[in-house]
C-alpha atoms as a PDB file:
ATOM      1  CA  UNK A   1      -0.334   0.082   0.188  1.00  0.00           C
ATOM      2  CA  UNK A   2       2.780   2.362   0.642  1.00  0.00           C
ATOM      3  CA  UNK A   3       3.818   1.887  -2.891  1.00  0.00           C
ATOM      4  CA  UNK A   4       0.387   3.546  -4.035  1.00  0.00           C
ATOM      5  CA  UNK A   5       0.364   6.060  -1.429  1.00  0.00           C
ATOM      6  CA  UNK A   6       3.778   6.921  -3.140  1.00  0.00           C
ATOM      7  CA  UNK A   7       3.264   6.478  -6.828  1.00  0.00           C
ATOM      8  CA  UNK A   8       0.006   8.467  -6.206  1.00  0.00           C
ATOM      9  CA  UNK A   9      -1.901   9.269  -9.515  1.00  0.00           C
ATOM     10  CA  UNK A  10       0.692   7.103 -11.623  1.00  0.00           C
ATOM     11  CA  UNK A  11      -0.581   3.734  -9.829  1.00  0.00           C
ATOM     12  CA  UNK A  12      -2.283   1.669 -11.650  1.00  0.00           C
ATOM     13  CA  UNK A  13      -2.613  -1.824 -10.414  1.00  0.00           C
ATOM     14  CA  UNK A  14      -5.104  -3.784 -11.715  1.00  0.00           C
ATOM     15  CA  UNK A  15      -5.494  -5.756  -8.212  1.00  0.00           C
ATOM     16  CA  UNK A  16      -4.691  -5.050  -4.508  1.00  0.00           C
ATOM     17  CA  UNK A  17      -5.003  -7.651  -1.947  1.00  0.00           C
ATOM     18  CA  UNK A  18      -4.777  -6.364   1.626  1.00  0.00           C
ATOM     19  CA  UNK A  19      -4.742  -7.623   4.908  1.00  0.00           C
ATOM     20  CA  UNK A  20      -5.360  -4.977   6.637  1.00  0.00           C
ATOM     21  CA  UNK A  21      -9.002  -3.485   6.417  1.00  0.00           C
ATOM     22  CA  UNK A  22      -8.073   0.034   7.323  1.00  0.00           C
ATOM     23  CA  UNK A  23      -6.423  -0.232   3.849  1.00  0.00           C
ATOM     24  CA  UNK A  24      -9.401  -0.034   2.020  1.00  0.00           C
ATOM     25  CA  UNK A  25     -10.754   3.071   3.238  1.00  0.00           C
ATOM     26  CA  UNK A  26      -7.178   5.113   3.206  1.00  0.00           C
ATOM     27  CA  UNK A  27      -7.286   4.007  -0.675  1.00  0.00           C
ATOM     28  CA  UNK A  28     -11.073   5.110  -0.739  1.00  0.00           C
ATOM     29  CA  UNK A  29     -10.415   8.021   0.920  1.00  0.00           C
ATOM     30  CA  UNK A  30      -7.171   9.041  -1.724  1.00  0.00           C
ATOM     31  CA  UNK A  31      -9.563   8.042  -4.776  1.00  0.00           C
ATOM     32  CA  UNK A  32      -7.780   5.172  -5.698  1.00  0.00           C
ATOM     33  CA  UNK A  33     -10.256   2.469  -5.924  1.00  0.00           C
ATOM     34  CA  UNK A  34     -12.839   1.836  -8.385  1.00  0.00           C
ATOM     35  CA  UNK A  35     -16.588   0.944  -8.777  1.00  0.00           C
ATOM     36  CA  UNK A  36     -16.514  -2.431  -9.372  1.00  0.00           C
ATOM     37  CA  UNK A  37     -19.369  -4.189 -11.656  1.00  0.00           C
ATOM     38  CA  UNK A  38     -22.435  -5.221 -10.306  1.00  0.00           C
ATOM     39  CA  UNK A  39     -22.272  -8.904 -11.839  1.00  0.00           C
ATOM     40  CA  UNK A  40     -19.298  -9.398  -9.559  1.00  0.00           C
ATOM     41  CA  UNK A  41     -20.638  -7.285  -6.569  1.00  0.00           C
ATOM     42  CA  UNK A  42     -24.011  -9.495  -6.790  1.00  0.00           C
ATOM     43  CA  UNK A  43     -21.970 -12.636  -5.776  1.00  0.00           C
ATOM     44  CA  UNK A  44     -20.973 -11.286  -2.483  1.00  0.00           C
ATOM     45  CA  UNK A  45     -23.506 -10.689   0.609  1.00  0.00           C
ATOM     46  CA  UNK A  46     -23.471  -7.377   1.482  1.00  0.00           C
ATOM     47  CA  UNK A  47     -22.236  -7.598   4.691  1.00  0.00           C
ATOM     48  CA  UNK A  48     -18.501  -8.294   2.997  1.00  0.00           C
ATOM     49  CA  UNK A  49     -18.677  -5.434   0.580  1.00  0.00           C
ATOM     50  CA  UNK A  50     -18.107  -1.641   0.728  1.00  0.00           C
ATOM     51  CA  UNK A  51     -21.570   0.478   0.664  1.00  0.00           C
ATOM     52  CA  UNK A  52     -19.442   2.213  -2.536  1.00  0.00           C
ATOM     53  CA  UNK A  53     -18.820  -0.815  -3.944  1.00  0.00           C
ATOM     54  CA  UNK A  54     -15.257  -0.633  -4.259  1.00  0.00           C
ATOM     55  CA  UNK A  55     -14.142  -3.220  -2.617  1.00  0.00           C
ATOM     56  CA  UNK A  56     -15.276  -7.238  -1.152  1.00  0.00           C
ATOM     57  CA  UNK A  57     -13.897  -9.267   1.485  1.00  0.00           C
ATOM     58  CA  UNK A  58     -11.720 -12.174   0.851  1.00  0.00           C
ATOM     59  CA  UNK A  59     -11.362 -13.733   4.339  1.00  0.00           C
ATOM     60  CA  UNK A  60     -12.423 -13.707   7.871  1.00  0.00           C
ATOM     61  CA  UNK A  61     -10.735 -13.481  11.315  1.00  0.00           C
ATOM     62  CA  UNK A  62     -11.345 -14.823  13.985  1.00  0.00           C
ATOM     63  CA  UNK A  63      -9.774 -13.960  17.567  1.00  0.00           C
ATOM     64  CA  UNK A  64      -9.700 -17.019  20.804  1.00  0.00           C
ATOM     65  CA  UNK A  65      -8.811 -16.243  24.629  1.00  0.00           C
ATOM     66  CA  UNK A  66      -7.184 -19.399  25.981  1.00  0.00           C
ATOM     67  CA  UNK A  67      -6.935 -19.737  30.158  1.00  0.00           C
ATOM     68  CA  UNK A  68      -5.674 -22.106  32.347  1.00  0.00           C
ATOM     69  CA  UNK A  69      -8.779 -23.728  34.595  1.00  0.00           C
ATOM     70  CA  UNK A  70      -6.340 -24.177  37.423  1.00  0.00           C
ATOM     71  CA  UNK A  71      -5.989 -20.790  37.775  1.00  0.00           C
ATOM     72  CA  UNK A  72      -9.338 -18.722  36.420  1.00  0.00           C
ATOM     73  CA  UNK A  73     -12.440 -20.334  37.461  1.00  0.00           C
ATOM     74  CA  UNK A  74     -14.913 -20.511  34.278  1.00  0.00           C
ATOM     75  CA  UNK A  75     -17.629 -20.408  35.904  1.00  0.00           C
ATOM     76  CA  UNK A  76     -17.129 -17.341  37.650  1.00  0.00           C
ATOM     77  CA  UNK A  77     -13.651 -15.725  36.623  1.00  0.00           C
ATOM     78  CA  UNK A  78     -13.955 -15.614  33.117  1.00  0.00           C
ATOM     79  CA  UNK A  79     -14.703 -11.915  31.471  1.00  0.00           C
ATOM     80  CA  UNK A  80     -18.263 -11.248  29.599  1.00  0.00           C
ATOM     81  CA  UNK A  81     -16.696  -8.530  27.148  1.00  0.00           C
ATOM     82  CA  UNK A  82     -13.395  -7.929  26.019  1.00  0.00           C
ATOM     83  CA  UNK A  83     -13.427  -4.922  27.396  1.00  0.00           C
ATOM     84  CA  UNK A  84     -13.586  -6.492  31.114  1.00  0.00           C
ATOM     85  CA  UNK A  85      -9.812  -7.403  30.458  1.00  0.00           C
ATOM     86  CA  UNK A  86      -8.969  -3.612  31.481  1.00  0.00           C
ATOM     87  CA  UNK A  87     -10.200  -4.539  34.798  1.00  0.00           C
ATOM     88  CA  UNK A  88      -7.145  -4.149  37.120  1.00  0.00           C
ATOM     89  CA  UNK A  89      -7.611  -8.010  38.331  1.00  0.00           C
ATOM     90  CA  UNK A  90      -5.793  -8.575  35.178  1.00  0.00           C
ATOM     91  CA  UNK A  91      -2.778  -6.382  34.904  1.00  0.00           C
ATOM     92  CA  UNK A  92       0.125  -8.536  34.213  1.00  0.00           C
ATOM     93  CA  UNK A  93      -1.971 -11.898  33.693  1.00  0.00           C
ATOM     94  CA  UNK A  94      -2.603 -11.368  30.099  1.00  0.00           C
ATOM     95  CA  UNK A  95      -0.455 -11.374  26.501  1.00  0.00           C
ATOM     96  CA  UNK A  96      -1.953 -10.331  23.197  1.00  0.00           C
ATOM     97  CA  UNK A  97      -0.666 -11.841  20.014  1.00  0.00           C
ATOM     98  CA  UNK A  98       0.215  -8.595  17.734  1.00  0.00           C
ATOM     99  CA  UNK A  99      -2.279  -7.056  15.855  1.00  0.00           C
ATOM    100  CA  UNK A 100      -0.454  -6.943  12.463  1.00  0.00           C
ATOM    101  CA  UNK A 101      -0.114  -9.767  10.019  1.00  0.00           C
ATOM    102  CA  UNK A 102       3.432 -10.650  10.543  1.00  0.00           C
ATOM    103  CA  UNK A 103       2.872 -12.513  14.080  1.00  0.00           C
ATOM    104  CA  UNK A 104       6.321 -10.896  15.171  1.00  0.00           C
END
C-alpha cells in the first residue's frame, strides 16, 4: 500500500489485496479505488463489501482467548466482554498476539 500512496496518480494496479481492512478506507479516501461491476458485487453478500461497491472481503479472522483452568474458574472468573480485560485484576496476567499480520 505504501507504494500506491507514494506513486499517487501514477499507480495503476489491476488488483490490490490487503490483509488490513483499514487500508481500504484510506485507499477509498485517496480515490485509488473504482466501483466494481454489479455482476461481481452481486455475488458477494452486502455484509462483506463496501457500501460504495469499491471492494469485497475475501476472508475473515477470529480471535480467541485461552486460559489456564487451574488458575481461572470458567464459571465465575471469565470476562463477559473483551473490555472486561481492562479491569486491574487482569494486569500482568494476560498477553496479546501482535495485531499486525507478521505475527512477530
